[in-house]
Amino acid sequence: MKTPGSETVLWSLPQDEITGAEIRRFSMAESDFTVFFRDGSWARLTSSPSGARDIVALLDRSPLGAGSDLMAPQA
């Protein structure tokens, strides 16, 4: 059992540094998602399917989808 307040923050940043999020197409359970950051970096994360959808809905503030060009072939 966890003691309230015993969780350690490993990393944090201002929310305006997050440019969006999306569920990954290859994720059959729709539980894998990517978070995109202002500096062009990104992180792939996994949650439950409903958790992933909730997180992406909260973070994806980009009208075109922040990572829509991340997996596109490079010219």
C-alpha atoms as a PDB file:
ATOM      1  CA  MET A   1       0.000   0.000   0.000  1.00  0.00           C
ATOM      2  CA  LYS A   2       1.333   3.423  -0.940  1.00  0.00           C
ATOM      3  CA  THR A   3       1.624   6.116   1.655  1.00  0.00           C
ATOM      4  CA  PRO A   4      -0.028   9.334   0.399  1.00  0.00           C
ATOM      5  CA  GLY A   5       2.615  11.802  -0.709  1.00  0.00           C
ATOM      6  CA  SER A   6       5.305   9.133  -1.108  1.00  0.00           C
ATOM      7  CA  GLU A   7       5.388   9.297  -4.904  1.00  0.00           C
ATOM      8  CA  THR A   8       8.583  10.755  -6.340  1.00  0.00           C
ATOM      9  CA  VAL A   9       8.382  13.107  -9.315  1.00  0.00           C
ATOM     10  CA  LEU A  10      10.910  11.887 -11.865  1.00  0.00           C
ATOM     11  CA  TRP A  11      10.448  14.649 -14.414  1.00  0.00           C
ATOM     12  CA  SER A  12       8.186  17.612 -15.060  1.00  0.00           C
ATOM     13  CA  LEU A  13       7.834  20.510 -17.464  1.00  0.00           C
ATOM     14  CA  PRO A  14       5.380  23.335 -18.140  1.00  0.00           C
ATOM     15  CA  GLN A  15       2.325  22.142 -20.075  1.00  0.00           C
ATOM     16  CA  ASP A  16       2.956  24.715 -22.818  1.00  0.00           C
ATOM     17  CA  GLU A  17       6.068  22.674 -23.746  1.00  0.00           C
ATOM     18  CA  ILE A  18       3.734  19.860 -24.872  1.00  0.00           C
ATOM     19  CA  THR A  19       2.537  20.442 -28.423  1.00  0.00           C
ATOM     20  CA  GLY A  20       0.253  17.446 -28.782  1.00  0.00           C
ATOM     21  CA  ALA A  21      -0.309  13.711 -28.517  1.00  0.00           C
ATOM     22  CA  GLU A  22      -1.721  10.908 -30.630  1.00  0.00           C
ATOM     23  CA  ILE A  23      -2.606   7.214 -30.432  1.00  0.00           C
ATOM     24  CA  ARG A  24      -0.159   5.194 -32.540  1.00  0.00           C
ATOM     25  CA  ARG A  25      -1.642   3.505 -35.617  1.00  0.00           C
ATOM     26  CA  PHE A  26       0.147   0.195 -34.951  1.00  0.00           C
ATOM     27  CA  SER A  27      -1.374  -0.100 -31.481  1.00  0.00           C
ATOM     28  CA  MET A  28      -4.065  -2.771 -31.856  1.00  0.00           C
ATOM     29  CA  ALA A  29      -5.408  -2.112 -28.357  1.00  0.00           C
ATOM     30  CA  GLU A  30      -5.012   1.665 -28.850  1.00  0.00           C
ATOM     31  CA  SER A  31      -2.953   1.795 -25.670  1.00  0.00           C
ATOM     32  CA  ASP A  32       0.324   3.100 -27.190  1.00  0.00           C
ATOM     33  CA  PHE A  33       0.542   6.844 -27.677  1.00  0.00           C
ATOM     34  CA  THR A  34       3.135   9.508 -28.394  1.00  0.00           C
ATOM     35  CA  VAL A  35       3.543  12.871 -26.669  1.00  0.00           C
ATOM     36  CA  PHE A  36       5.219  15.630 -28.729  1.00  0.00           C
ATOM     37  CA  PHE A  37       7.275  18.477 -27.292  1.00  0.00           C
ATOM     38  CA  ARG A  38       8.042  22.007 -28.474  1.00  0.00           C
ATOM     39  CA  ASP A  39      11.737  21.216 -29.087  1.00  0.00           C
ATOM     40  CA  GLY A  40      10.789  18.499 -31.602  1.00  0.00           C
ATOM     41  CA  SER A  41      11.394  15.576 -29.262  1.00  0.00           C
ATOM     42  CA  TRP A  42       8.733  13.019 -28.426  1.00  0.00           C
ATOM     43  CA  ALA A  43       8.076  10.152 -26.023  1.00  0.00           C
ATOM     44  CA  ARG A  44       6.202   6.913 -26.653  1.00  0.00           C
ATOM     45  CA  LEU A  45       4.105   5.789 -23.691  1.00  0.00           C
ATOM     46  CA  THR A  46       1.662   2.981 -22.923  1.00  0.00           C
ATOM     47  CA  SER A  47      -1.455   2.988 -20.765  1.00  0.00           C
ATOM     48  CA  SER A  48      -4.778   1.210 -20.712  1.00  0.00           C
ATOM     49  CA  PRO A  49      -6.829   1.917 -23.858  1.00  0.00           C
ATOM     50  CA  SER A  50      -9.179   4.271 -22.001  1.00  0.00           C
ATOM     51  CA  GLY A  51      -6.263   5.912 -20.182  1.00  0.00           C
ATOM     52  CA  ALA A  52      -4.410   6.500 -23.450  1.00  0.00           C
ATOM     53  CA  ARG A  53      -7.498   8.079 -25.062  1.00  0.00           C
ATOM     54  CA  ASP A  54      -8.055  10.325 -22.033  1.00  0.00           C
ATOM     55  CA  ILE A  55      -4.420  11.465 -21.948  1.00  0.00           C
ATOM     56  CA  VAL A  56      -4.314  12.135 -25.699  1.00  0.00           C
ATOM     57  CA  ALA A  57      -7.581  14.088 -25.517  1.00  0.00           C
ATOM     58  CA  LEU A  58      -6.141  16.193 -22.701  1.00  0.00           C
ATOM     59  CA  LEU A  59      -2.782  16.850 -24.376  1.00  0.00           C
ATOM     60  CA  ASP A  60      -3.579  17.106 -28.089  1.00  0.00           C
ATOM     61  CA  ARG A  61      -4.119  20.814 -28.547  1.00  0.00           C
ATOM     62  CA  SER A  62      -2.874  20.914 -32.145  1.00  0.00           C
ATOM     63  CA  PRO A  63      -5.630  21.312 -34.777  1.00  0.00           C
ATOM     64  CA  LEU A  64      -3.710  19.176 -37.297  1.00  0.00           C
ATOM     65  CA  GLY A  65      -2.364  16.593 -34.866  1.00  0.00           C
ATOM     66  CA  ALA A  66       1.050  17.363 -33.487  1.00  0.00           C
ATOM     67  CA  GLY A  67       2.797  14.278 -34.713  1.00  0.00           C
ATOM     68  CA  SER A  68       1.140  13.843 -38.066  1.00  0.00           C
ATOM     69  CA  ASP A  69       4.455  14.311 -39.887  1.00  0.00           C
ATOM     70  CA  LEU A  70       6.649  12.415 -37.408  1.00  0.00           C
ATOM     71  CA  MET A  71       6.272   9.055 -39.114  1.00  0.00           C
ATOM     72  CA  ALA A  72       6.044  10.435 -42.651  1.00  0.00           C
ATOM     73  CA  PRO A  73       8.769   9.339 -45.081  1.00  0.00           C
ATOM     74  CA  GLN A  74      11.600  11.843 -45.317  1.00  0.00           C
ATOM     75  CA  ALA A  75      12.324  13.315 -48.758  1.00  0.00           C
END
